[in-house]
Amino acid sequence: MLERVELEVLLTLAEQLHFTRTAEQLRLSTGQVSRIVKRLERRIGADLFVRTSRTVTLTPIGATLIEHLTPHVAGLQAALRRASAAGRGVSGSLRVGFVGAAAGQLLLRTVALLGARHPDCEIHIQEAQVHDACQRVFNGSLDVLITALPVSGVDVGPVLLSEPQLLAVPAGHPLAGASEVSREVMADHPVIQMPDTMPEESRRYRIPATTHSGRPVLLGPKADTFPEILALVAAHRGVFPVGEHAARFYPRPDIAYLPMPDAPPVRWAPVWLPGNDSGLVRAFVDCATRASEP
């Protein structure tokens, strides 16, 4: 059996691939981390990591071990959270919000599972818009929000959905017939802008200031809601990067959705204010994680 500290060192080093950062995160010394790894490798009889003066990488055996361990550790942690929630008798009222159709589908499955596990809980569902979603978490009108990352200043739960980005363009646009596009086209065609009330890191993740080659992104008009964004795209006022689910939930004859392989994925997760980590919030996040599984 692996001891808790051995598991923590193994999983954290596999994520960080850096002995010093691993030691700092676990509040151990670098020497302790190194000795624990060597002890595990002796016990297993094979190297788990390849160390050089510059890099740390997983060996094939190490990668396989991490792949097999991760779901078991997550399951243990979830079981402990559920037992703790049951011991406290999770109940009360929770205000949960979502942005977009994909998050809405996840939320409905989550609420159904939460209601089955904790029938004494009262869940209030609210649809949030692009311009006010995070503000409603910050001002306390929402307890939990399922939204696209990144968002700073909040606690972030597990990623529930990760999807490729597509570029929404007018159906009659010169790009509409392309099989795929690069982010570089944002320097040639105006991009609809998200509202300033969104966190800057969220806006910059989706719409960078410059392309990979350093060309400035052309700025189009701003919109406050996703329907407004699509209306501006259809009106030939600009293009806009969306998550893959938009092509399924928002099909329109006047808009074409084009794959954009060099754009980072859109990742969706539950977020909540630090300090609002109640038993009910933890129960919701646990149910959301389960509801997102295939």
Protein backbone atom coordinates (compact mmCIF):
# COMPACT_ATOMS: atom_id res chain seq x y z
CA MET A 1 0.00 0.00 0.00
CA LEU A 2 1.15 3.51 -0.77
CA GLU A 3 1.29 5.96 2.10
CA ARG A 4 -0.60 9.24 1.74
CA VAL A 5 2.55 11.34 1.37
CA GLU A 6 3.85 8.94 -1.29
CA LEU A 7 0.65 9.30 -3.27
CA GLU A 8 0.73 13.09 -2.94
CA VAL A 9 4.35 13.29 -4.07
CA LEU A 10 3.78 10.93 -7.00
CA LEU A 11 0.68 12.69 -8.32
CA THR A 12 1.96 16.22 -7.71
CA LEU A 13 5.33 15.56 -9.36
CA ALA A 14 3.55 13.96 -12.32
CA GLU A 15 1.55 17.19 -12.68
CA GLN A 16 4.31 19.73 -11.99
CA LEU A 17 7.27 17.81 -13.50
CA HIS A 18 9.47 19.91 -11.24
CA PHE A 19 10.95 18.79 -7.91
CA THR A 20 11.16 22.25 -6.33
CA ARG A 21 7.57 23.24 -7.20
CA THR A 22 6.35 19.86 -5.97
CA ALA A 23 8.19 20.34 -2.67
CA GLU A 24 6.80 23.86 -2.25
CA GLN A 25 3.24 22.77 -2.99
CA LEU A 26 3.42 19.88 -0.49
CA ARG A 27 5.47 21.86 2.05
CA LEU A 28 8.30 19.35 1.94
CA SER A 29 11.97 19.78 1.17
CA THR A 30 13.29 18.94 -2.28
CA GLY A 31 15.41 16.24 -0.67
CA GLN A 32 12.35 14.63 0.89
CA VAL A 33 10.57 14.58 -2.47
CA SER A 34 13.62 13.01 -4.13
CA ARG A 35 13.99 10.35 -1.44
CA ILE A 36 10.29 9.43 -1.61
CA VAL A 37 10.46 9.05 -5.39
CA LYS A 38 13.59 6.89 -5.18
CA ARG A 39 11.94 4.75 -2.48
CA LEU A 40 8.92 4.19 -4.71
CA GLU A 41 11.10 3.34 -7.69
CA ARG A 42 13.03 0.78 -5.64
CA ARG A 43 9.77 -0.77 -4.44
CA ILE A 44 8.36 -0.96 -7.97
CA GLY A 45 11.65 -2.01 -9.53
CA ALA A 46 11.61 0.54 -12.34
CA ASP A 47 12.21 4.23 -12.95
CA LEU A 48 9.06 6.36 -12.84
CA PHE A 49 10.68 9.66 -13.85
CA VAL A 50 13.57 10.66 -16.09
CA ARG A 51 15.58 13.51 -14.54
CA THR A 52 18.05 15.72 -16.33
CA SER A 53 19.61 18.98 -15.24
CA ARG A 54 16.82 20.81 -17.07
CA THR A 55 13.72 18.61 -17.25
CA VAL A 56 11.69 15.97 -15.45
CA THR A 57 9.52 13.61 -17.52
CA LEU A 58 7.48 10.51 -16.80
CA THR A 59 8.73 7.17 -18.06
CA PRO A 60 6.18 4.95 -19.85
CA ILE A 61 5.85 2.89 -16.65
CA GLY A 62 5.40 6.05 -14.60
CA ALA A 63 2.77 7.42 -16.98
CA THR A 64 0.83 4.15 -16.84
CA LEU A 65 0.99 4.10 -13.05
CA ILE A 66 -0.33 7.68 -12.84
CA GLU A 67 -3.11 6.88 -15.33
CA HIS A 68 -4.24 3.93 -13.20
CA LEU A 69 -3.88 5.67 -9.84
CA THR A 70 -5.63 8.96 -10.65
CA PRO A 71 -9.24 7.71 -10.85
CA HIS A 72 -8.80 5.62 -7.71
CA VAL A 73 -7.48 8.58 -5.72
CA ALA A 74 -10.28 10.78 -7.06
CA GLY A 75 -12.78 8.10 -6.06
CA LEU A 76 -11.37 7.89 -2.54
CA GLN A 77 -11.52 11.67 -2.15
CA ALA A 78 -15.10 11.76 -3.46
CA ALA A 79 -16.13 8.94 -1.09
CA LEU A 80 -14.69 10.84 1.85
CA ARG A 81 -16.52 14.02 0.81
CA ARG A 82 -19.79 12.12 0.46
CA ALA A 83 -19.33 10.47 3.85
CA SER A 84 -18.55 13.85 5.41
CA ALA A 85 -21.62 15.41 3.79
CA ALA A 86 -23.80 12.54 4.97
CA GLY A 87 -22.45 12.93 8.49
CA ARG A 88 -23.33 16.63 8.49
CA GLY A 89 -26.71 16.00 6.91
CA VAL A 90 -26.32 18.16 3.78
CA SER A 91 -29.37 20.37 3.39
CA GLY A 92 -30.34 23.95 2.70
CA SER A 93 -30.73 26.18 -0.34
CA LEU A 94 -28.25 26.65 -3.18
CA ARG A 95 -28.34 29.21 -6.01
CA VAL A 96 -26.59 27.81 -9.07
CA GLY A 97 -26.04 29.46 -12.43
CA PHE A 98 -24.84 28.50 -15.87
CA VAL A 99 -23.60 30.24 -19.01
CA GLY A 100 -24.52 28.65 -22.33
CA ALA A 101 -26.39 25.55 -23.43
CA ALA A 102 -23.62 23.03 -22.72
CA ALA A 103 -23.29 24.27 -19.14
CA GLY A 104 -27.08 24.22 -18.84
CA GLN A 105 -27.20 20.54 -19.84
CA LEU A 106 -24.50 19.71 -17.29
CA LEU A 107 -26.34 21.66 -14.62
CA LEU A 108 -29.62 19.81 -15.19
CA ARG A 109 -27.90 16.43 -14.83
CA THR A 110 -26.11 17.68 -11.73
CA VAL A 111 -29.28 18.95 -10.07
CA ALA A 112 -31.05 15.64 -10.77
CA LEU A 113 -28.21 13.69 -9.15
CA LEU A 114 -27.97 16.11 -6.22
CA GLY A 115 -31.71 15.86 -5.60
CA ALA A 116 -31.51 12.07 -5.54
CA ARG A 117 -28.63 12.08 -3.06
CA HIS A 118 -29.79 14.95 -0.87
CA PRO A 119 -33.58 15.33 -1.15
CA ASP A 120 -33.65 17.96 1.61
CA CYS A 121 -31.70 20.43 -0.56
CA GLU A 122 -33.46 23.21 -2.44
CA ILE A 123 -31.75 24.18 -5.70
CA HIS A 124 -32.52 27.46 -7.52
CA ILE A 125 -31.34 27.46 -11.16
CA GLN A 126 -30.49 30.74 -12.87
CA GLU A 127 -29.26 31.39 -16.40
CA ALA A 128 -26.46 33.96 -16.42
CA GLN A 129 -25.33 36.03 -19.38
CA VAL A 130 -21.83 36.68 -20.67
CA HIS A 131 -21.76 40.21 -19.26
CA ASP A 132 -22.87 39.47 -15.69
CA ALA A 133 -22.15 35.82 -14.89
CA CYS A 134 -18.94 36.24 -12.87
CA GLN A 135 -20.21 39.45 -11.27
CA ARG A 136 -23.13 37.48 -9.82
CA VAL A 137 -20.66 35.15 -8.11
CA PHE A 138 -18.55 38.03 -6.83
CA ASN A 139 -21.57 39.93 -5.44
CA GLY A 140 -22.99 36.81 -3.79
CA SER A 141 -26.19 36.44 -5.81
CA LEU A 142 -24.96 33.05 -7.07
CA ASP A 143 -23.41 30.37 -4.84
CA VAL A 144 -21.96 28.33 -7.72
CA LEU A 145 -21.57 29.04 -11.43
CA ILE A 146 -20.71 26.62 -14.25
CA THR A 147 -18.76 28.75 -16.70
CA ALA A 148 -15.85 28.78 -19.11
CA LEU A 149 -12.36 29.14 -17.67
CA PRO A 150 -10.12 30.86 -16.76
CA VAL A 151 -11.60 32.91 -13.92
CA SER A 152 -9.48 34.36 -11.11
CA GLY A 153 -10.51 35.35 -7.60
CA VAL A 154 -12.68 32.25 -7.15
CA ASP A 155 -12.30 28.62 -6.16
CA VAL A 156 -12.41 26.39 -9.23
CA GLY A 157 -13.73 22.84 -9.29
CA PRO A 158 -12.79 20.02 -11.67
CA VAL A 159 -13.03 20.62 -15.41
CA LEU A 160 -16.40 19.18 -16.43
CA LEU A 161 -16.13 19.68 -20.17
CA SER A 162 -13.28 20.47 -22.54
CA GLU A 163 -14.07 21.17 -26.18
CA PRO A 164 -12.26 22.49 -29.26
CA GLN A 165 -12.82 26.03 -30.46
CA LEU A 166 -14.66 26.85 -33.67
CA LEU A 167 -14.81 30.20 -35.45
CA ALA A 168 -18.32 31.48 -36.14
CA VAL A 169 -18.45 33.41 -39.43
CA PRO A 170 -21.36 34.71 -41.57
CA ALA A 171 -22.66 32.11 -44.00
CA GLY A 172 -21.71 34.32 -46.96
CA HIS A 173 -18.25 35.16 -45.60
CA PRO A 174 -15.14 34.42 -47.74
CA LEU A 175 -13.99 31.99 -45.01
CA ALA A 176 -17.31 30.12 -44.83
CA GLY A 177 -16.27 27.45 -47.33
CA ALA A 178 -12.96 26.62 -45.63
CA SER A 179 -12.50 23.22 -44.01
CA GLU A 180 -10.67 24.89 -41.09
CA VAL A 181 -9.05 28.19 -40.15
CA SER A 182 -6.15 29.43 -38.04
CA ARG A 183 -6.25 32.00 -35.27
CA GLU A 184 -4.26 34.18 -37.65
CA VAL A 185 -7.51 35.12 -39.45
CA MET A 186 -8.39 37.22 -36.39
CA ALA A 187 -5.82 39.72 -37.66
CA ASP A 188 -7.65 39.96 -41.01
CA HIS A 189 -11.31 40.00 -39.90
CA PRO A 190 -12.88 41.98 -37.01
CA VAL A 191 -13.65 39.88 -33.93
CA ILE A 192 -16.79 40.54 -31.87
CA GLN A 193 -15.64 41.66 -28.41
CA MET A 194 -16.83 40.33 -25.07
CA PRO A 195 -18.06 42.89 -22.52
CA ASP A 196 -15.56 44.63 -20.22
CA THR A 197 -17.46 43.26 -17.20
CA MET A 198 -16.05 39.81 -17.97
CA PRO A 199 -12.73 38.97 -16.24
CA GLU A 200 -9.86 40.07 -18.47
CA GLU A 201 -8.19 36.65 -18.32
CA SER A 202 -11.39 35.06 -19.67
CA ARG A 203 -11.57 37.52 -22.55
CA ARG A 204 -7.89 37.23 -23.43
CA TYR A 205 -7.99 33.43 -23.34
CA ARG A 206 -10.70 33.38 -25.99
CA ILE A 207 -9.67 36.52 -27.92
CA PRO A 208 -5.96 37.33 -27.55
CA ALA A 209 -4.54 40.78 -28.16
CA THR A 210 -2.29 39.39 -30.90
CA THR A 211 -2.10 36.25 -33.02
CA HIS A 212 0.67 33.65 -32.74
CA SER A 213 2.75 35.62 -35.25
CA GLY A 214 2.36 38.85 -33.26
CA ARG A 215 -0.20 40.55 -35.50
CA PRO A 216 -2.84 42.60 -33.62
CA VAL A 217 -6.32 41.13 -33.53
CA LEU A 218 -8.88 43.35 -35.27
CA LEU A 219 -11.49 44.60 -32.81
CA GLY A 220 -15.15 44.44 -33.76
CA PRO A 221 -18.21 45.70 -31.86
CA LYS A 222 -18.97 44.55 -28.31
CA ALA A 223 -21.91 42.40 -27.24
CA ASP A 224 -23.35 41.60 -23.81
CA THR A 225 -25.00 38.24 -24.48
CA PHE A 226 -24.30 35.21 -26.64
CA PRO A 227 -27.42 35.74 -28.81
CA GLU A 228 -26.19 39.30 -29.44
CA ILE A 229 -22.79 37.93 -30.45
CA LEU A 230 -24.38 35.54 -32.96
CA ALA A 231 -26.62 38.32 -34.30
CA LEU A 232 -23.58 40.53 -34.94
CA VAL A 233 -21.78 37.65 -36.66
CA ALA A 234 -24.80 36.98 -38.88
CA ALA A 235 -24.94 40.71 -39.70
CA HIS A 236 -21.36 40.56 -41.04
CA ARG A 237 -20.08 42.78 -38.23
CA GLY A 238 -17.33 40.31 -37.29
CA VAL A 239 -16.34 36.74 -36.46
CA PHE A 240 -16.24 35.07 -33.06
CA PRO A 241 -14.53 32.01 -31.47
CA VAL A 242 -16.98 29.62 -29.80
CA GLY A 243 -16.90 26.25 -28.11
CA GLU A 244 -17.71 23.24 -30.25
CA HIS A 245 -21.12 22.79 -28.60
CA ALA A 246 -22.34 26.03 -30.23
CA ALA A 247 -22.61 24.31 -33.60
CA ARG A 248 -24.96 21.73 -32.04
CA PHE A 249 -27.05 23.96 -29.78
CA TYR A 250 -27.10 27.14 -31.90
CA PRO A 251 -27.32 26.04 -35.55
CA ARG A 252 -28.26 28.93 -37.83
CA PRO A 253 -28.59 29.12 -41.62
CA ASP A 254 -26.80 32.48 -41.61
CA ILE A 255 -23.74 31.31 -39.62
CA ALA A 256 -21.00 28.77 -40.42
CA TYR A 257 -18.85 27.18 -37.72
CA LEU A 258 -15.26 26.37 -38.76
CA PRO A 259 -12.74 24.26 -36.82
CA MET A 260 -9.80 26.29 -35.46
CA PRO A 261 -7.17 23.65 -34.50
CA ASP A 262 -4.52 26.08 -33.21
CA ALA A 263 -6.85 27.62 -30.61
CA PRO A 264 -6.78 26.31 -27.01
CA PRO A 265 -9.76 24.26 -25.81
CA VAL A 266 -12.70 25.84 -24.03
CA ARG A 267 -12.89 24.31 -20.54
CA TRP A 268 -15.98 24.49 -18.34
CA ALA A 269 -15.94 24.12 -14.56
CA PRO A 270 -17.89 25.10 -11.44
CA VAL A 271 -16.61 28.21 -9.61
CA TRP A 272 -17.56 29.72 -6.25
CA LEU A 273 -16.28 32.34 -3.84
CA PRO A 274 -13.48 31.38 -1.44
CA GLY A 275 -14.99 30.93 1.99
CA ASN A 276 -18.28 29.68 0.52
CA ASP A 277 -16.98 26.11 0.57
CA SER A 278 -20.00 24.71 2.40
CA GLY A 279 -21.00 21.07 2.57
CA LEU A 280 -23.77 21.79 0.07
CA VAL A 281 -21.36 23.44 -2.38
CA ARG A 282 -18.99 20.48 -2.09
CA ALA A 283 -21.90 18.08 -2.62
CA PHE A 284 -22.90 20.05 -5.75
CA VAL A 285 -19.35 19.96 -7.14
CA ASP A 286 -19.10 16.23 -6.46
CA CYS A 287 -22.41 15.62 -8.26
CA ALA A 288 -21.32 17.86 -11.16
CA THR A 289 -18.14 15.82 -11.53
CA ARG A 290 -20.14 12.59 -11.61
CA ALA A 291 -22.72 14.04 -13.99
CA SER A 292 -19.99 15.04 -16.46
CA GLU A 293 -18.64 11.49 -16.75
CA PRO A 294 -19.50 9.63 -19.97
